[in-house]
Amino acid sequence: MTTLLMSNPIRVATVLFLTSVLVLGTWHNSCATDDEIKAELGKPFRIVLTAAIGSTGYSWSAEFDKAFLKLEESWYEKPDSKLLGASGKQVFVFVPSRTGNTTIKMRLARPWESSSVEAKVYQIFISPN
């Protein structure tokens, strides 16, 4: 079984990627849990997710209410490792433009496929500064 898995580089990359997604998970600034973020009006916050864009084609996309949030910038940080399938980080910086509650839906998918392999929903609580 191990020989069969290791003989196929695509399988190795997929296994490494999915393992890194499960093990490394998600982190972000100004939050209480993985699904709740407390933000202040006008102050940027980040959501950082593991991703292996270069080796697997999967990347994260964000769906959010533009009345509450502005996506200021996003970028991909390459992995430090040269291992096949190693994961980097995809960073999203949002700025709240209105007080209240909203959500951000993150989807991990390949651009050419209609289904996603993972989704995360963040509840955003925006308070005045």
C-alpha atoms as a PDB file:
ATOM      1  CA  MET A   1       0.000   0.000   0.000  1.00  0.00           C
ATOM      2  CA  THR A   2       2.735   2.477   0.938  1.00  0.00           C
ATOM      3  CA  THR A   3       4.716   1.621  -2.212  1.00  0.00           C
ATOM      4  CA  LEU A   4       1.618   2.117  -4.365  1.00  0.00           C
ATOM      5  CA  LEU A   5       0.906   5.499  -2.774  1.00  0.00           C
ATOM      6  CA  MET A   6       4.494   6.729  -2.976  1.00  0.00           C
ATOM      7  CA  SER A   7       4.885   5.679  -6.614  1.00  0.00           C
ATOM      8  CA  ASN A   8       2.365   8.277  -7.756  1.00  0.00           C
ATOM      9  CA  PRO A   9       3.565  11.883  -7.200  1.00  0.00           C
ATOM     10  CA  ILE A  10       0.059  13.312  -7.645  1.00  0.00           C
ATOM     11  CA  ARG A  11      -1.301  11.060  -4.908  1.00  0.00           C
ATOM     12  CA  VAL A  12       1.599  12.017  -2.653  1.00  0.00           C
ATOM     13  CA  ALA A  13       0.943  15.719  -3.239  1.00  0.00           C
ATOM     14  CA  THR A  14      -2.781  15.295  -2.605  1.00  0.00           C
ATOM     15  CA  VAL A  15      -2.227  13.318   0.603  1.00  0.00           C
ATOM     16  CA  LEU A  16       0.322  15.857   1.877  1.00  0.00           C
ATOM     17  CA  PHE A  17      -1.944  18.767   1.039  1.00  0.00           C
ATOM     18  CA  LEU A  18      -5.045  17.312   2.677  1.00  0.00           C
ATOM     19  CA  THR A  19      -3.017  16.292   5.731  1.00  0.00           C
ATOM     20  CA  SER A  20      -1.608  19.806   6.081  1.00  0.00           C
ATOM     21  CA  VAL A  21      -5.093  21.309   5.813  1.00  0.00           C
ATOM     22  CA  LEU A  22      -6.330  19.029   8.586  1.00  0.00           C
ATOM     23  CA  VAL A  23      -3.262  19.399  10.820  1.00  0.00           C
ATOM     24  CA  LEU A  24      -2.393  23.078  10.381  1.00  0.00           C
ATOM     25  CA  GLY A  25      -5.949  24.371  10.299  1.00  0.00           C
ATOM     26  CA  THR A  26      -6.648  28.065  10.393  1.00  0.00           C
ATOM     27  CA  TRP A  27      -5.541  31.076  12.419  1.00  0.00           C
ATOM     28  CA  HIS A  28      -6.476  34.714  12.312  1.00  0.00           C
ATOM     29  CA  ASN A  29      -5.976  37.866  14.381  1.00  0.00           C
ATOM     30  CA  SER A  30      -8.579  39.399  16.727  1.00  0.00           C
ATOM     31  CA  CYS A  31     -10.666  36.294  17.225  1.00  0.00           C
ATOM     32  CA  ALA A  32     -12.136  34.158  19.987  1.00  0.00           C
ATOM     33  CA  THR A  33     -12.514  30.899  18.034  1.00  0.00           C
ATOM     34  CA  ASP A  34     -11.964  29.593  14.498  1.00  0.00           C
ATOM     35  CA  ASP A  35     -15.453  30.651  13.498  1.00  0.00           C
ATOM     36  CA  GLU A  36     -15.897  33.947  15.383  1.00  0.00           C
ATOM     37  CA  ILE A  37     -13.960  37.173  14.839  1.00  0.00           C
ATOM     38  CA  LYS A  38     -14.364  40.303  16.922  1.00  0.00           C
ATOM     39  CA  ALA A  39     -13.308  43.294  14.843  1.00  0.00           C
ATOM     40  CA  GLU A  40     -13.315  47.061  15.240  1.00  0.00           C
ATOM     41  CA  LEU A  41     -14.671  49.524  12.722  1.00  0.00           C
ATOM     42  CA  GLY A  42     -11.911  50.687  10.363  1.00  0.00           C
ATOM     43  CA  LYS A  43      -9.228  48.388  11.825  1.00  0.00           C
ATOM     44  CA  PRO A  44      -7.887  45.652   9.509  1.00  0.00           C
ATOM     45  CA  PHE A  45      -7.998  41.990  10.503  1.00  0.00           C
ATOM     46  CA  ARG A  46      -6.581  38.931   8.765  1.00  0.00           C
ATOM     47  CA  ILE A  47      -7.711  35.431   8.003  1.00  0.00           C
ATOM     48  CA  VAL A  48      -4.822  33.098   7.169  1.00  0.00           C
ATOM     49  CA  LEU A  49      -5.506  29.657   5.712  1.00  0.00           C
ATOM     50  CA  THR A  50      -3.206  26.843   4.655  1.00  0.00           C
ATOM     51  CA  ALA A  51      -3.076  26.314   0.908  1.00  0.00           C
ATOM     52  CA  ALA A  52      -0.951  24.488  -1.646  1.00  0.00           C
ATOM     53  CA  ILE A  53      -1.785  26.591  -4.693  1.00  0.00           C
ATOM     54  CA  GLY A  54       1.332  25.836  -6.723  1.00  0.00           C
ATOM     55  CA  SER A  55       1.289  22.071  -6.364  1.00  0.00           C
ATOM     56  CA  THR A  56      -2.441  21.253  -6.261  1.00  0.00           C
ATOM     57  CA  GLY A  57      -4.267  24.160  -7.879  1.00  0.00           C
ATOM     58  CA  TYR A  58      -6.519  24.623  -4.838  1.00  0.00           C
ATOM     59  CA  SER A  59      -6.993  28.170  -3.573  1.00  0.00           C
ATOM     60  CA  TRP A  60      -9.309  29.930  -1.143  1.00  0.00           C
ATOM     61  CA  SER A  61     -11.949  32.437  -2.202  1.00  0.00           C
ATOM     62  CA  ALA A  62     -13.989  34.732   0.043  1.00  0.00           C
ATOM     63  CA  GLU A  63     -17.697  35.563  -0.119  1.00  0.00           C
ATOM     64  CA  PHE A  64     -18.774  38.462   2.100  1.00  0.00           C
ATOM     65  CA  ASP A  65     -21.158  41.407   2.370  1.00  0.00           C
ATOM     66  CA  LYS A  66     -19.444  44.445   0.845  1.00  0.00           C
ATOM     67  CA  ALA A  67     -21.702  46.737   2.885  1.00  0.00           C
ATOM     68  CA  PHE A  68     -19.828  45.578   6.025  1.00  0.00           C
ATOM     69  CA  LEU A  69     -16.366  44.616   4.816  1.00  0.00           C
ATOM     70  CA  LYS A  70     -13.767  45.585   2.257  1.00  0.00           C
ATOM     71  CA  LEU A  71     -11.178  43.049   1.102  1.00  0.00           C
ATOM     72  CA  GLU A  72      -8.128  45.285   1.314  1.00  0.00           C
ATOM     73  CA  GLU A  73      -5.649  42.742  -0.026  1.00  0.00           C
ATOM     74  CA  SER A  74      -4.867  39.055  -0.316  1.00  0.00           C
ATOM     75  CA  TRP A  75      -1.738  37.108  -1.166  1.00  0.00           C
ATOM     76  CA  TYR A  76      -0.148  33.679  -1.122  1.00  0.00           C
ATOM     77  CA  GLU A  77       2.952  32.924   0.952  1.00  0.00           C
ATOM     78  CA  LYS A  78       4.964  30.059  -0.504  1.00  0.00           C
ATOM     79  CA  PRO A  79       5.936  27.191   1.798  1.00  0.00           C
ATOM     80  CA  ASP A  80       9.400  27.171   3.349  1.00  0.00           C
ATOM     81  CA  SER A  81       9.744  23.501   2.447  1.00  0.00           C
ATOM     82  CA  LYS A  82      10.733  22.250  -1.002  1.00  0.00           C
ATOM     83  CA  LEU A  83       8.788  19.006  -0.450  1.00  0.00           C
ATOM     84  CA  LEU A  84       6.270  18.075  -3.111  1.00  0.00           C
ATOM     85  CA  GLY A  85       2.807  19.171  -2.001  1.00  0.00           C
ATOM     86  CA  ALA A  86       4.033  21.373   0.866  1.00  0.00           C
ATOM     87  CA  SER A  87       1.490  23.966   1.923  1.00  0.00           C
ATOM     88  CA  GLY A  88       1.921  27.689   2.084  1.00  0.00           C
ATOM     89  CA  LYS A  89      -0.489  30.245   3.478  1.00  0.00           C
ATOM     90  CA  GLN A  90      -3.151  32.303   1.810  1.00  0.00           C
ATOM     91  CA  VAL A  91      -3.731  35.624   3.592  1.00  0.00           C
ATOM     92  CA  PHE A  92      -6.868  37.786   3.380  1.00  0.00           C
ATOM     93  CA  VAL A  93      -6.953  41.275   4.941  1.00  0.00           C
ATOM     94  CA  PHE A  94     -10.413  42.745   5.578  1.00  0.00           C
ATOM     95  CA  VAL A  95     -11.364  46.213   6.848  1.00  0.00           C
ATOM     96  CA  PRO A  96     -14.774  46.667   8.527  1.00  0.00           C
ATOM     97  CA  SER A  97     -16.702  49.622   7.090  1.00  0.00           C
ATOM     98  CA  ARG A  98     -19.869  49.392   9.199  1.00  0.00           C
ATOM     99  CA  THR A  99     -20.755  48.195  12.699  1.00  0.00           C
ATOM    100  CA  GLY A 100     -22.911  45.113  13.151  1.00  0.00           C
ATOM    101  CA  ASN A 101     -22.702  41.396  12.442  1.00  0.00           C
ATOM    102  CA  THR A 102     -21.896  39.662   9.164  1.00  0.00           C
ATOM    103  CA  THR A 103     -20.265  36.506   7.825  1.00  0.00           C
ATOM    104  CA  ILE A 104     -17.345  35.571   5.624  1.00  0.00           C
ATOM    105  CA  LYS A 105     -17.604  32.293   3.715  1.00  0.00           C
ATOM    106  CA  MET A 106     -14.270  30.830   2.617  1.00  0.00           C
ATOM    107  CA  ARG A 107     -14.192  28.129  -0.062  1.00  0.00           C
ATOM    108  CA  LEU A 108     -11.230  25.934  -0.996  1.00  0.00           C
ATOM    109  CA  ALA A 109     -11.519  24.823  -4.617  1.00  0.00           C
ATOM    110  CA  ARG A 110      -9.783  24.639  -7.943  1.00  0.00           C
ATOM    111  CA  PRO A 111     -10.898  27.467 -10.241  1.00  0.00           C
ATOM    112  CA  TRP A 112     -11.945  25.035 -12.976  1.00  0.00           C
ATOM    113  CA  GLU A 113     -14.092  22.852 -10.670  1.00  0.00           C
ATOM    114  CA  SER A 114     -17.566  23.742  -9.410  1.00  0.00           C
ATOM    115  CA  SER A 115     -17.339  21.949  -6.050  1.00  0.00           C
ATOM    116  CA  SER A 116     -15.133  22.816  -3.099  1.00  0.00           C
ATOM    117  CA  VAL A 117     -13.137  20.406  -0.935  1.00  0.00           C
ATOM    118  CA  GLU A 118     -13.479  22.540   2.180  1.00  0.00           C
ATOM    119  CA  ALA A 119     -15.502  25.496   3.385  1.00  0.00           C
ATOM    120  CA  LYS A 120     -15.273  27.682   6.476  1.00  0.00           C
ATOM    121  CA  VAL A 121     -17.759  30.238   7.742  1.00  0.00           C
ATOM    122  CA  TYR A 122     -16.646  33.044  10.041  1.00  0.00           C
ATOM    123  CA  GLN A 123     -19.076  35.100  12.111  1.00  0.00           C
ATOM    124  CA  ILE A 124     -17.810  38.689  12.228  1.00  0.00           C
ATOM    125  CA  PHE A 125     -18.840  40.997  15.088  1.00  0.00           C
ATOM    126  CA  ILE A 126     -17.897  44.603  14.277  1.00  0.00           C
ATOM    127  CA  SER A 127     -17.887  47.135  17.098  1.00  0.00           C
ATOM    128  CA  PRO A 128     -17.218  50.883  16.982  1.00  0.00           C
ATOM    129  CA  ASN A 129     -13.589  51.854  17.655  1.00  0.00           C
END
